[in-house]
Amino acid sequence: MARILIVDDAKFMRTMLTGILQKGGHEVVGEAGNGQEAVQQYASLKPDLVTMDITMPDMDGITAVQKIKENDPNAKVIMCSAMGQQAMVLDAIKAGAKDFIVKPFQADRVLEAIAKVVAS
């Protein structure tokens, strides 16, 4: 079981992901609606893993991953992207993300990615 911070500007996406994660036996320790909140919450919550949307207001997910990794080089982040954002996904991996999952979420793919990244 992992302690997970969910970052997405869409509340319904955070709710959907929370449901998938809780059914998979994980604990959602926090939610953030933009990259700035994500960086602050990561520092205070120290989650095992972060799911990070790419496109968000105030600070995008790629910048947030870079900032989180500056503070904790061992941070584990999985990027969440909509279809057709492959170039952004590559940028996210370069920034330090460990994996990515595509929206709309498929529960088995989400849980598989989390299991793989937590074990790494």
PDB file of N, CA and C in Angstrom:
ATOM      1  N   MET A   1       0.841  -1.194   0.000  1.00  0.00           N
ATOM      2  CA  MET A   1       0.000   0.000   0.000  1.00  0.00           C
ATOM      3  C   MET A   1       0.875   1.242   0.000  1.00  0.00           C
ATOM      4  N   ALA A   2       0.566   2.178  -0.888  1.00  0.00           N
ATOM      5  CA  ALA A   2       1.340   3.412  -0.983  1.00  0.00           C
ATOM      6  C   ALA A   2       0.510   4.598  -0.486  1.00  0.00           C
ATOM      7  N   ARG A   3       1.219   5.589   0.038  1.00  0.00           N
ATOM      8  CA  ARG A   3       0.607   6.872   0.421  1.00  0.00           C
ATOM      9  C   ARG A   3       0.779   7.795  -0.783  1.00  0.00           C
ATOM     10  N   ILE A   4      -0.342   8.261  -1.339  1.00  0.00           N
ATOM     11  CA  ILE A   4      -0.303   8.948  -2.632  1.00  0.00           C
ATOM     12  C   ILE A   4      -0.910  10.348  -2.565  1.00  0.00           C
ATOM     13  N   LEU A   5      -0.221  11.286  -3.239  1.00  0.00           N
ATOM     14  CA  LEU A   5      -0.718  12.651  -3.436  1.00  0.00           C
ATOM     15  C   LEU A   5      -1.218  12.734  -4.875  1.00  0.00           C
ATOM     16  N   ILE A   6      -2.477  13.156  -5.048  1.00  0.00           N
ATOM     17  CA  ILE A   6      -3.071  13.281  -6.383  1.00  0.00           C
ATOM     18  C   ILE A   6      -3.091  14.759  -6.783  1.00  0.00           C
ATOM     19  N   VAL A   7      -2.538  15.041  -7.967  1.00  0.00           N
ATOM     20  CA  VAL A   7      -2.483  16.424  -8.450  1.00  0.00           C
ATOM     21  C   VAL A   7      -3.168  16.510  -9.807  1.00  0.00           C
ATOM     22  N   ASP A   8      -4.270  17.257  -9.851  1.00  0.00           N
ATOM     23  CA  ASP A   8      -5.006  17.467 -11.105  1.00  0.00           C
ATOM     24  C   ASP A   8      -5.897  18.676 -10.894  1.00  0.00           C
ATOM     25  N   ASP A   9      -6.014  19.544 -11.902  1.00  0.00           N
ATOM     26  CA  ASP A   9      -6.861  20.728 -11.741  1.00  0.00           C
ATOM     27  C   ASP A   9      -8.337  20.398 -11.835  1.00  0.00           C
ATOM     28  N   ALA A  10      -8.672  19.215 -12.336  1.00  0.00           N
ATOM     29  CA  ALA A  10     -10.082  18.812 -12.442  1.00  0.00           C
ATOM     30  C   ALA A  10     -10.477  17.960 -11.229  1.00  0.00           C
ATOM     31  N   LYS A  11     -11.409  18.472 -10.448  1.00  0.00           N
ATOM     32  CA  LYS A  11     -11.859  17.767  -9.238  1.00  0.00           C
ATOM     33  C   LYS A  11     -12.378  16.369  -9.576  1.00  0.00           C
ATOM     34  N   PHE A  12     -13.139  16.235 -10.663  1.00  0.00           N
ATOM     35  CA  PHE A  12     -13.717  14.923 -10.988  1.00  0.00           C
ATOM     36  C   PHE A  12     -12.611  13.909 -11.324  1.00  0.00           C
ATOM     37  N   MET A  13     -11.488  14.367 -11.894  1.00  0.00           N
ATOM     38  CA  MET A  13     -10.367  13.461 -12.170  1.00  0.00           C
ATOM     39  C   MET A  13      -9.722  13.008 -10.862  1.00  0.00           C
ATOM     40  N   ARG A  14      -9.585  13.942  -9.912  1.00  0.00           N
ATOM     41  CA  ARG A  14      -9.021  13.573  -8.605  1.00  0.00           C
ATOM     42  C   ARG A  14      -9.932  12.568  -7.916  1.00  0.00           C
ATOM     43  N   THR A  15     -11.241  12.787  -8.010  1.00  0.00           N
ATOM     44  CA  THR A  15     -12.212  11.878  -7.388  1.00  0.00           C
ATOM     45  C   THR A  15     -12.143  10.499  -8.038  1.00  0.00           C
ATOM     46  N   MET A  16     -12.063  10.457  -9.361  1.00  0.00           N
ATOM     47  CA  MET A  16     -12.000   9.189 -10.088  1.00  0.00           C
ATOM     48  C   MET A  16     -10.725   8.425  -9.697  1.00  0.00           C
ATOM     49  N   LEU A  17      -9.610   9.124  -9.657  1.00  0.00           N
ATOM     50  CA  LEU A  17      -8.338   8.500  -9.304  1.00  0.00           C
ATOM     51  C   LEU A  17      -8.340   8.030  -7.851  1.00  0.00           C
ATOM     52  N   THR A  18      -8.933   8.813  -6.968  1.00  0.00           N
ATOM     53  CA  THR A  18      -9.036   8.421  -5.553  1.00  0.00           C
ATOM     54  C   THR A  18      -9.775   7.090  -5.435  1.00  0.00           C
ATOM     55  N   GLY A  19     -10.880   6.952  -6.162  1.00  0.00           N
ATOM     56  CA  GLY A  19     -11.656   5.710  -6.128  1.00  0.00           C
ATOM     57  C   GLY A  19     -10.841   4.509  -6.590  1.00  0.00           C
ATOM     58  N   ILE A  20     -10.116   4.683  -7.696  1.00  0.00           N
ATOM     59  CA  ILE A  20      -9.285   3.593  -8.229  1.00  0.00           C
ATOM     60  C   ILE A  20      -8.210   3.208  -7.218  1.00  0.00           C
ATOM     61  N   LEU A  21      -7.552   4.209  -6.653  1.00  0.00           N
ATOM     62  CA  LEU A  21      -6.440   3.950  -5.729  1.00  0.00           C
ATOM     63  C   LEU A  21      -6.916   3.289  -4.441  1.00  0.00           C
ATOM     64  N   GLN A  22      -8.033   3.780  -3.902  1.00  0.00           N
ATOM     65  CA  GLN A  22      -8.538   3.200  -2.653  1.00  0.00           C
ATOM     66  C   GLN A  22      -8.986   1.759  -2.864  1.00  0.00           C
ATOM     67  N   LYS A  23      -9.626   1.476  -3.993  1.00  0.00           N
ATOM     68  CA  LYS A  23     -10.018   0.090  -4.302  1.00  0.00           C
ATOM     69  C   LYS A  23      -8.789  -0.800  -4.428  1.00  0.00           C
ATOM     70  N   GLY A  24      -7.672  -0.210  -4.876  1.00  0.00           N
ATOM     71  CA  GLY A  24      -6.429  -0.957  -5.029  1.00  0.00           C
ATOM     72  C   GLY A  24      -5.648  -1.075  -3.723  1.00  0.00           C
ATOM     73  N   GLY A  25      -6.216  -0.557  -2.623  1.00  0.00           N
ATOM     74  CA  GLY A  25      -5.580  -0.686  -1.319  1.00  0.00           C
ATOM     75  C   GLY A  25      -4.604   0.418  -0.956  1.00  0.00           C
ATOM     76  N   HIS A  26      -4.598   1.499  -1.747  1.00  0.00           N
ATOM     77  CA  HIS A  26      -3.683   2.607  -1.466  1.00  0.00           C
ATOM     78  C   HIS A  26      -4.371   3.689  -0.639  1.00  0.00           C
ATOM     79  N   GLU A  27      -3.567   4.538  -0.021  1.00  0.00           N
ATOM     80  CA  GLU A  27      -4.103   5.630   0.795  1.00  0.00           C
ATOM     81  C   GLU A  27      -3.834   6.950   0.093  1.00  0.00           C
ATOM     82  N   VAL A  28      -4.881   7.737  -0.156  1.00  0.00           N
ATOM     83  CA  VAL A  28      -4.714   9.065  -0.738  1.00  0.00           C
ATOM     84  C   VAL A  28      -4.515  10.033   0.431  1.00  0.00           C
ATOM     85  N   VAL A  29      -3.296  10.583   0.537  1.00  0.00           N
ATOM     86  CA  VAL A  29      -2.970  11.438   1.680  1.00  0.00           C
ATOM     87  C   VAL A  29      -3.230  12.908   1.400  1.00  0.00           C
ATOM     88  N   GLY A  30      -3.422  13.264   0.126  1.00  0.00           N
ATOM     89  CA  GLY A  30      -3.698  14.660  -0.195  1.00  0.00           C
ATOM     90  C   GLY A  30      -4.054  14.838  -1.649  1.00  0.00           C
ATOM     91  N   GLU A  31      -4.627  16.019  -1.934  1.00  0.00           N
ATOM     92  CA  GLU A  31      -4.981  16.397  -3.303  1.00  0.00           C
ATOM     93  C   GLU A  31      -4.529  17.824  -3.533  1.00  0.00           C
ATOM     94  N   ALA A  32      -4.100  18.108  -4.760  1.00  0.00           N
ATOM     95  CA  ALA A  32      -3.725  19.466  -5.129  1.00  0.00           C
ATOM     96  C   ALA A  32      -4.318  19.780  -6.497  1.00  0.00           C
ATOM     97  N   GLY A  33      -4.685  21.047  -6.692  1.00  0.00           N
ATOM     98  CA  GLY A  33      -5.320  21.473  -7.931  1.00  0.00           C
ATOM     99  C   GLY A  33      -4.377  22.137  -8.915  1.00  0.00           C
ATOM    100  N   ASN A  34      -3.111  22.355  -8.505  1.00  0.00           N
ATOM    101  CA  ASN A  34      -2.116  22.909  -9.426  1.00  0.00           C
ATOM    102  C   ASN A  34      -0.714  22.556  -8.938  1.00  0.00           C
ATOM    103  N   GLY A  35       0.277  22.848  -9.750  1.00  0.00           N
ATOM    104  CA  GLY A  35       1.644  22.472  -9.439  1.00  0.00           C
ATOM    105  C   GLY A  35       2.200  23.125  -8.186  1.00  0.00           C
ATOM    106  N   GLN A  36       1.801  24.379  -7.956  1.00  0.00           N
ATOM    107  CA  GLN A  36       2.288  25.089  -6.774  1.00  0.00           C
ATOM    108  C   GLN A  36       1.818  24.399  -5.493  1.00  0.00           C
ATOM    109  N   GLU A  37       0.535  24.069  -5.453  1.00  0.00           N
ATOM    110  CA  GLU A  37      -0.012  23.340  -4.292  1.00  0.00           C
ATOM    111  C   GLU A  37       0.684  21.988  -4.160  1.00  0.00           C
ATOM    112  N   ALA A  38       0.978  21.344  -5.287  1.00  0.00           N
ATOM    113  CA  ALA A  38       1.624  20.030  -5.270  1.00  0.00           C
ATOM    114  C   ALA A  38       2.986  20.097  -4.596  1.00  0.00           C
ATOM    115  N   VAL A  39       3.780  21.100  -4.939  1.00  0.00           N
ATOM    116  CA  VAL A  39       5.122  21.249  -4.363  1.00  0.00           C
ATOM    117  C   VAL A  39       5.015  21.456  -2.851  1.00  0.00           C
ATOM    118  N   GLN A  40       4.070  22.316  -2.428  1.00  0.00           N
ATOM    119  CA  GLN A  40       3.885  22.575  -0.990  1.00  0.00           C
ATOM    120  C   GLN A  40       3.405  21.328  -0.264  1.00  0.00           C
ATOM    121  N   GLN A  41       2.412  20.654  -0.828  1.00  0.00           N
ATOM    122  CA  GLN A  41       1.870  19.463  -0.165  1.00  0.00           C
ATOM    123  C   GLN A  41       2.886  18.327  -0.134  1.00  0.00           C
ATOM    124  N   TYR A  42       3.680  18.201  -1.187  1.00  0.00           N
ATOM    125  CA  TYR A  42       4.698  17.147  -1.191  1.00  0.00           C
ATOM    126  C   TYR A  42       5.645  17.353  -0.004  1.00  0.00           C
ATOM    127  N   ALA A  43       6.056  18.590   0.195  1.00  0.00           N
ATOM    128  CA  ALA A  43       6.998  18.893   1.278  1.00  0.00           C
ATOM    129  C   ALA A  43       6.410  18.576   2.652  1.00  0.00           C
ATOM    130  N   SER A  44       5.119  18.854   2.840  1.00  0.00           N
ATOM    131  CA  SER A  44       4.533  18.630   4.167  1.00  0.00           C
ATOM    132  C   SER A  44       4.029  17.199   4.363  1.00  0.00           C
ATOM    133  N   LEU A  45       3.530  16.547   3.295  1.00  0.00           N
ATOM    134  CA  LEU A  45       2.943  15.210   3.434  1.00  0.00           C
ATOM    135  C   LEU A  45       3.950  14.074   3.246  1.00  0.00           C
ATOM    136  N   LYS A  46       5.009  14.322   2.498  1.00  0.00           N
ATOM    137  CA  LYS A  46       6.013  13.289   2.188  1.00  0.00           C
ATOM    138  C   LYS A  46       5.365  11.982   1.702  1.00  0.00           C
ATOM    139  N   PRO A  47       4.573  12.050   0.625  1.00  0.00           N
ATOM    140  CA  PRO A  47       3.919  10.827   0.123  1.00  0.00           C
ATOM    141  C   PRO A  47       4.931   9.872  -0.499  1.00  0.00           C
ATOM    142  N   ASP A  48       4.528   8.613  -0.657  1.00  0.00           N
ATOM    143  CA  ASP A  48       5.376   7.620  -1.324  1.00  0.00           C
ATOM    144  C   ASP A  48       5.417   7.876  -2.829  1.00  0.00           C
ATOM    145  N   LEU A  49       4.327   8.490  -3.335  1.00  0.00           N
ATOM    146  CA  LEU A  49       4.176   8.640  -4.773  1.00  0.00           C
ATOM    147  C   LEU A  49       3.237   9.801  -5.078  1.00  0.00           C
ATOM    148  N   VAL A  50       3.427  10.432  -6.241  1.00  0.00           N
ATOM    149  CA  VAL A  50       2.559  11.523  -6.693  1.00  0.00           C
ATOM    150  C   VAL A  50       2.029  11.173  -8.078  1.00  0.00           C
ATOM    151  N   THR A  51       0.721  11.358  -8.300  1.00  0.00           N
ATOM    152  CA  THR A  51       0.182  11.315  -9.663  1.00  0.00           C
ATOM    153  C   THR A  51       0.020  12.774 -10.066  1.00  0.00           C
ATOM    154  N   MET A  52       0.594  13.157 -11.198  1.00  0.00           N
ATOM    155  CA  MET A  52       0.683  14.570 -11.584  1.00  0.00           C
ATOM    156  C   MET A  52       0.113  14.811 -12.968  1.00  0.00           C
ATOM    157  N   ASP A  53      -0.894  15.674 -13.036  1.00  0.00           N
ATOM    158  CA  ASP A  53      -1.426  16.105 -14.323  1.00  0.00           C
ATOM    159  C   ASP A  53      -0.374  16.991 -14.990  1.00  0.00           C
ATOM    160  N   ILE A  54      -0.379  17.082 -16.300  1.00  0.00           N
ATOM    161  CA  ILE A  54       0.600  17.921 -16.987  1.00  0.00           C
ATOM    162  C   ILE A  54       0.092  19.351 -17.130  1.00  0.00           C
ATOM    163  N   THR A  55      -1.113  19.514 -17.662  1.00  0.00           N
ATOM    164  CA  THR A  55      -1.628  20.846 -17.965  1.00  0.00           C
ATOM    165  C   THR A  55      -2.496  21.352 -16.816  1.00  0.00           C
ATOM    166  N   MET A  56      -1.978  22.376 -16.100  1.00  0.00           N
ATOM    167  CA  MET A  56      -2.706  22.957 -14.963  1.00  0.00           C
ATOM    168  C   MET A  56      -2.412  24.445 -14.879  1.00  0.00           C
ATOM    169  N   PRO A  57      -3.299  25.197 -14.218  1.00  0.00           N
ATOM    170  CA  PRO A  57      -3.047  26.630 -14.041  1.00  0.00           C
ATOM    171  C   PRO A  57      -1.949  26.872 -12.996  1.00  0.00           C
ATOM    172  N   ASP A  58      -1.424  28.092 -12.943  1.00  0.00           N
ATOM    173  CA  ASP A  58      -0.411  28.553 -11.980  1.00  0.00           C
ATOM    174  C   ASP A  58       0.962  27.922 -12.200  1.00  0.00           C
ATOM    175  N   MET A  59       1.050  26.599 -12.112  1.00  0.00           N
ATOM    176  CA  MET A  59       2.309  25.904 -12.391  1.00  0.00           C
ATOM    177  C   MET A  59       1.975  24.564 -13.019  1.00  0.00           C
ATOM    178  N   ASP A  60       2.545  24.296 -14.207  1.00  0.00           N
ATOM    179  CA  ASP A  60       2.226  23.022 -14.869  1.00  0.00           C
ATOM    180  C   ASP A  60       2.925  21.854 -14.179  1.00  0.00           C
ATOM    181  N   GLY A  61       2.518  20.650 -14.568  1.00  0.00           N
ATOM    182  CA  GLY A  61       3.021  19.449 -13.922  1.00  0.00           C
ATOM    183  C   GLY A  61       4.507  19.209 -14.135  1.00  0.00           C
ATOM    184  N   ILE A  62       5.023  19.594 -15.297  1.00  0.00           N
ATOM    185  CA  ILE A  62       6.446  19.363 -15.570  1.00  0.00           C
ATOM    186  C   ILE A  62       7.312  20.236 -14.662  1.00  0.00           C
ATOM    187  N   THR A  63       6.940  21.506 -14.518  1.00  0.00           N
ATOM    188  CA  THR A  63       7.670  22.402 -13.609  1.00  0.00           C
ATOM    189  C   THR A  63       7.565  21.891 -12.175  1.00  0.00           C
ATOM    190  N   ALA A  64       6.378  21.425 -11.796  1.00  0.00           N
ATOM    191  CA  ALA A  64       6.177  20.917 -10.430  1.00  0.00           C
ATOM    192  C   ALA A  64       7.059  19.691 -10.167  1.00  0.00           C
ATOM    193  N   VAL A  65       7.171  18.794 -11.157  1.00  0.00           N
ATOM    194  CA  VAL A  65       8.038  17.619 -10.991  1.00  0.00           C
ATOM    195  C   VAL A  65       9.482  18.073 -10.777  1.00  0.00           C
ATOM    196  N   GLN A  66       9.929  19.037 -11.572  1.00  0.00           N
ATOM    197  CA  GLN A  66      11.308  19.534 -11.436  1.00  0.00           C
ATOM    198  C   GLN A  66      11.548  20.087 -10.031  1.00  0.00           C
ATOM    199  N   LYS A  67      10.588  20.860  -9.524  1.00  0.00           N
ATOM    200  CA  LYS A  67      10.747  21.456  -8.188  1.00  0.00           C
ATOM    201  C   LYS A  67      10.724  20.383  -7.089  1.00  0.00           C
ATOM    202  N   ILE A  68       9.822  19.425  -7.227  1.00  0.00           N
ATOM    203  CA  ILE A  68       9.751  18.337  -6.237  1.00  0.00           C
ATOM    204  C   ILE A  68      11.061  17.544  -6.245  1.00  0.00           C
ATOM    205  N   LYS A  69      11.579  17.247  -7.438  1.00  0.00           N
ATOM    206  CA  LYS A  69      12.823  16.473  -7.552  1.00  0.00           C
ATOM    207  C   LYS A  69      14.033  17.254  -7.018  1.00  0.00           C
ATOM    208  N   GLU A  70      14.001  18.593  -7.136  1.00  0.00           N
ATOM    209  CA  GLU A  70      15.079  19.420  -6.560  1.00  0.00           C
ATOM    210  C   GLU A  70      15.128  19.224  -5.047  1.00  0.00           C
ATOM    211  N   ASN A  71      13.941  19.192  -4.426  1.00  0.00           N
ATOM    212  CA  ASN A  71      13.848  19.052  -2.971  1.00  0.00           C
ATOM    213  C   ASN A  71      14.022  17.618  -2.509  1.00  0.00           C
ATOM    214  N   ASP A  72      13.616  16.656  -3.340  1.00  0.00           N
ATOM    215  CA  ASP A  72      13.722  15.239  -2.993  1.00  0.00           C
ATOM    216  C   ASP A  72      14.059  14.452  -4.260  1.00  0.00           C
ATOM    217  N   PRO A  73      15.359  14.219  -4.502  1.00  0.00           N
ATOM    218  CA  PRO A  73      15.770  13.511  -5.716  1.00  0.00           C
ATOM    219  C   PRO A  73      15.173  12.106  -5.835  1.00  0.00           C
ATOM    220  N   ASN A  74      14.703  11.532  -4.722  1.00  0.00           N
ATOM    221  CA  ASN A  74      14.119  10.191  -4.741  1.00  0.00           C
ATOM    222  C   ASN A  74      12.604  10.191  -4.927  1.00  0.00           C
ATOM    223  N   ALA A  75      12.017  11.350  -5.151  1.00  0.00           N
ATOM    224  CA  ALA A  75      10.563  11.444  -5.320  1.00  0.00           C
ATOM    225  C   ALA A  75      10.105  10.564  -6.480  1.00  0.00           C
ATOM    226  N   LYS A  76       8.961   9.920  -6.288  1.00  0.00           N
ATOM    227  CA  LYS A  76       8.378   9.063  -7.325  1.00  0.00           C
ATOM    228  C   LYS A  76       7.112   9.734  -7.852  1.00  0.00           C
ATOM    229  N   VAL A  77       7.138  10.067  -9.137  1.00  0.00           N
ATOM    230  CA  VAL A  77       6.019  10.774  -9.756  1.00  0.00           C
ATOM    231  C   VAL A  77       5.573  10.032 -11.008  1.00  0.00           C
ATOM    232  N   ILE A  78       4.253   9.864 -11.132  1.00  0.00           N
ATOM    233  CA  ILE A  78       3.661   9.309 -12.354  1.00  0.00           C
ATOM    234  C   ILE A  78       2.855  10.431 -12.997  1.00  0.00           C
ATOM    235  N   MET A  79       3.148  10.728 -14.248  1.00  0.00           N
ATOM    236  CA  MET A  79       2.430  11.781 -14.959  1.00  0.00           C
ATOM    237  C   MET A  79       1.118  11.237 -15.525  1.00  0.00           C
ATOM    238  N   CYS A  80       0.125  12.111 -15.563  1.00  0.00           N
ATOM    239  CA  CYS A  80      -1.179  11.783 -16.147  1.00  0.00           C
ATOM    240  C   CYS A  80      -1.382  12.720 -17.325  1.00  0.00           C
ATOM    241  N   SER A  81      -1.648  12.162 -18.499  1.00  0.00           N
ATOM    242  CA  SER A  81      -1.843  13.023 -19.658  1.00  0.00           C
ATOM    243  C   SER A  81      -3.031  12.558 -20.474  1.00  0.00           C
ATOM    244  N   ALA A  82      -3.600  13.517 -21.185  1.00  0.00           N
ATOM    245  CA  ALA A  82      -4.665  13.176 -22.122  1.00  0.00           C
ATOM    246  C   ALA A  82      -4.018  12.614 -23.381  1.00  0.00           C
ATOM    247  N   MET A  83      -4.797  11.948 -24.190  1.00  0.00           N
ATOM    248  CA  MET A  83      -4.282  11.417 -25.451  1.00  0.00           C
ATOM    249  C   MET A  83      -3.670  12.557 -26.263  1.00  0.00           C
ATOM    250  N   GLY A  84      -2.631  12.242 -27.012  1.00  0.00           N
ATOM    251  CA  GLY A  84      -2.058  13.238 -27.912  1.00  0.00           C
ATOM    252  C   GLY A  84      -1.057  14.173 -27.276  1.00  0.00           C
ATOM    253  N   GLN A  85      -0.632  13.902 -26.051  1.00  0.00           N
ATOM    254  CA  GLN A  85       0.349  14.772 -25.397  1.00  0.00           C
ATOM    255  C   GLN A  85       1.708  14.071 -25.282  1.00  0.00           C
ATOM    256  N   GLN A  86       2.049  13.240 -26.284  1.00  0.00           N
ATOM    257  CA  GLN A  86       3.267  12.442 -26.201  1.00  0.00           C
ATOM    258  C   GLN A  86       4.524  13.291 -26.008  1.00  0.00           C
ATOM    259  N   ALA A  87       4.617  14.430 -26.687  1.00  0.00           N
ATOM    260  CA  ALA A  87       5.800  15.282 -26.549  1.00  0.00           C
ATOM    261  C   ALA A  87       5.939  15.766 -25.109  1.00  0.00           C
ATOM    262  N   MET A  88       4.810  16.119 -24.501  1.00  0.00           N
ATOM    263  CA  MET A  88       4.833  16.571 -23.110  1.00  0.00           C
ATOM    264  C   MET A  88       5.224  15.431 -22.174  1.00  0.00           C
ATOM    265  N   VAL A  89       4.778  14.232 -22.488  1.00  0.00           N
ATOM    266  CA  VAL A  89       5.128  13.068 -21.662  1.00  0.00           C
ATOM    267  C   VAL A  89       6.641  12.861 -21.684  1.00  0.00           C
ATOM    268  N   LEU A  90       7.261  13.009 -22.860  1.00  0.00           N
ATOM    269  CA  LEU A  90       8.719  12.881 -22.949  1.00  0.00           C
ATOM    270  C   LEU A  90       9.400  13.945 -22.094  1.00  0.00           C
ATOM    271  N   ASP A  91       8.887  15.176 -22.131  1.00  0.00           N
ATOM    272  CA  ASP A  91       9.435  16.241 -21.285  1.00  0.00           C
ATOM    273  C   ASP A  91       9.305  15.878 -19.815  1.00  0.00           C
ATOM    274  N   ALA A  92       8.180  15.274 -19.464  1.00  0.00           N
ATOM    275  CA  ALA A  92       7.934  14.882 -18.070  1.00  0.00           C
ATOM    276  C   ALA A  92       8.918  13.810 -17.616  1.00  0.00           C
ATOM    277  N   ILE A  93       9.190  12.848 -18.483  1.00  0.00           N
ATOM    278  CA  ILE A  93      10.149  11.784 -18.153  1.00  0.00           C
ATOM    279  C   ILE A  93      11.544  12.400 -17.970  1.00  0.00           C
ATOM    280  N   LYS A  94      11.901  13.339 -18.859  1.00  0.00           N
ATOM    281  CA  LYS A  94      13.190  14.029 -18.729  1.00  0.00           C
ATOM    282  C   LYS A  94      13.265  14.800 -17.419  1.00  0.00           C
ATOM    283  N   ALA A  95      12.117  15.332 -16.969  1.00  0.00           N
ATOM    284  CA  ALA A  95      12.063  16.103 -15.722  1.00  0.00           C
ATOM    285  C   ALA A  95      12.157  15.208 -14.492  1.00  0.00           C
ATOM    286  N   GLY A  96      11.976  13.894 -14.693  1.00  0.00           N
ATOM    287  CA  GLY A  96      12.128  12.983 -13.563  1.00  0.00           C
ATOM    288  C   GLY A  96      10.938  12.092 -13.266  1.00  0.00           C
ATOM    289  N   ALA A  97       9.874  12.185 -14.070  1.00  0.00           N
ATOM    290  CA  ALA A  97       8.725  11.306 -13.848  1.00  0.00           C
ATOM    291  C   ALA A  97       9.135   9.860 -14.129  1.00  0.00           C
ATOM    292  N   LYS A  98       8.567   8.913 -13.387  1.00  0.00           N
ATOM    293  CA  LYS A  98       8.931   7.503 -13.508  1.00  0.00           C
ATOM    294  C   LYS A  98       8.068   6.744 -14.517  1.00  0.00           C
ATOM    295  N   ASP A  99       6.860   7.253 -14.778  1.00  0.00           N
ATOM    296  CA  ASP A  99       5.939   6.561 -15.682  1.00  0.00           C
ATOM    297  C   ASP A  99       4.852   7.556 -16.050  1.00  0.00           C
ATOM    298  N   PHE A 100       3.974   7.163 -16.938  1.00  0.00           N
ATOM    299  CA  PHE A 100       2.815   8.000 -17.243  1.00  0.00           C
ATOM    300  C   PHE A 100       1.608   7.132 -17.506  1.00  0.00           C
ATOM    301  N   ILE A 101       0.453   7.691 -17.182  1.00  0.00           N
ATOM    302  CA  ILE A 101      -0.814   7.021 -17.461  1.00  0.00           C
ATOM    303  C   ILE A 101      -1.665   7.982 -18.285  1.00  0.00           C
ATOM    304  N   VAL A 102      -2.452   7.413 -19.169  1.00  0.00           N
ATOM    305  CA  VAL A 102      -3.231   8.220 -20.104  1.00  0.00           C
ATOM    306  C   VAL A 102      -4.681   8.332 -19.643  1.00  0.00           C
ATOM    307  N   LYS A 103      -5.221   9.548 -19.759  1.00  0.00           N
ATOM    308  CA  LYS A 103      -6.640   9.769 -19.480  1.00  0.00           C
ATOM    309  C   LYS A 103      -7.415   9.424 -20.746  1.00  0.00           C
ATOM    310  N   PRO A 104      -8.625   8.917 -20.666  1.00  0.00           N
ATOM    311  CA  PRO A 104      -9.326   8.539 -19.426  1.00  0.00           C
ATOM    312  C   PRO A 104      -8.662   7.334 -18.765  1.00  0.00           C
ATOM    313  N   PHE A 105      -8.651   7.348 -17.446  1.00  0.00           N
ATOM    314  CA  PHE A 105      -7.942   6.329 -16.682  1.00  0.00           C
ATOM    315  C   PHE A 105      -8.567   4.948 -16.824  1.00  0.00           C
ATOM    316  N   GLN A 106      -7.704   3.938 -16.937  1.00  0.00           N
ATOM    317  CA  GLN A 106      -8.129   2.542 -16.867  1.00  0.00           C
ATOM    318  C   GLN A 106      -7.559   2.012 -15.563  1.00  0.00           C
ATOM    319  N   ALA A 107      -8.433   1.552 -14.694  1.00  0.00           N
ATOM    320  CA  ALA A 107      -8.044   1.164 -13.338  1.00  0.00           C
ATOM    321  C   ALA A 107      -6.859   0.211 -13.306  1.00  0.00           C
ATOM    322  N   ASP A 108      -6.872  -0.819 -14.156  1.00  0.00           N
ATOM    323  CA  ASP A 108      -5.776  -1.797 -14.093  1.00  0.00           C
ATOM    324  C   ASP A 108      -4.441  -1.178 -14.493  1.00  0.00           C
ATOM    325  N   ARG A 109      -4.446  -0.276 -15.468  1.00  0.00           N
ATOM    326  CA  ARG A 109      -3.212   0.392 -15.906  1.00  0.00           C
ATOM    327  C   ARG A 109      -2.687   1.312 -14.793  1.00  0.00           C
ATOM    328  N   VAL A 110      -3.584   2.029 -14.127  1.00  0.00           N
ATOM    329  CA  VAL A 110      -3.190   2.923 -13.034  1.00  0.00           C
ATOM    330  C   VAL A 110      -2.517   2.107 -11.924  1.00  0.00           C
ATOM    331  N   LEU A 111      -3.169   1.038 -11.494  1.00  0.00           N
ATOM    332  CA  LEU A 111      -2.643   0.227 -10.388  1.00  0.00           C
ATOM    333  C   LEU A 111      -1.343  -0.480 -10.772  1.00  0.00           C
ATOM    334  N   GLU A 112      -1.237  -0.894 -12.030  1.00  0.00           N
ATOM    335  CA  GLU A 112      -0.011  -1.531 -12.515  1.00  0.00           C
ATOM    336  C   GLU A 112       1.164  -0.530 -12.482  1.00  0.00           C
ATOM    337  N   ALA A 113       0.916   0.696 -12.960  1.00  0.00           N
ATOM    338  CA  ALA A 113       1.963   1.730 -12.959  1.00  0.00           C
ATOM    339  C   ALA A 113       2.412   2.050 -11.534  1.00  0.00           C
ATOM    340  N   ILE A 114       1.446   2.153 -10.630  1.00  0.00           N
ATOM    341  CA  ILE A 114       1.773   2.484  -9.243  1.00  0.00           C
ATOM    342  C   ILE A 114       2.583   1.359  -8.602  1.00  0.00           C
ATOM    343  N   ALA A 115       2.165   0.130  -8.801  1.00  0.00           N
ATOM    344  CA  ALA A 115       2.900  -1.012  -8.236  1.00  0.00           C
ATOM    345  C   ALA A 115       4.339  -1.037  -8.749  1.00  0.00           C
ATOM    346  N   LYS A 116       4.517  -0.778 -10.041  1.00  0.00           N
ATOM    347  CA  LYS A 116       5.840  -0.812 -10.654  1.00  0.00           C
ATOM    348  C   LYS A 116       6.733   0.299 -10.085  1.00  0.00           C
ATOM    349  N   VAL A 117       6.190   1.515  -9.999  1.00  0.00           N
ATOM    350  CA  VAL A 117       6.986   2.655  -9.542  1.00  0.00           C
ATOM    351  C   VAL A 117       7.299   2.556  -8.044  1.00  0.00           C
ATOM    352  N   VAL A 118       6.342   2.130  -7.239  1.00  0.00           N
ATOM    353  CA  VAL A 118       6.574   1.991  -5.796  1.00  0.00           C
ATOM    354  C   VAL A 118       7.660   0.946  -5.539  1.00  0.00           C
ATOM    355  N   ALA A 119       7.669  -0.118  -6.336  1.00  0.00           N
ATOM    356  CA  ALA A 119       8.651  -1.194  -6.152  1.00  0.00           C
ATOM    357  C   ALA A 119      10.054  -0.800  -6.623  1.00  0.00           C
ATOM    358  N   SER A 120      10.146   0.234  -7.461  1.00  0.00           N
ATOM    359  CA  SER A 120      11.448   0.601  -8.037  1.00  0.00           C
ATOM    360  C   SER A 120      12.341   1.329  -7.061  1.00  0.00           C
TER     361      SER A 120
END
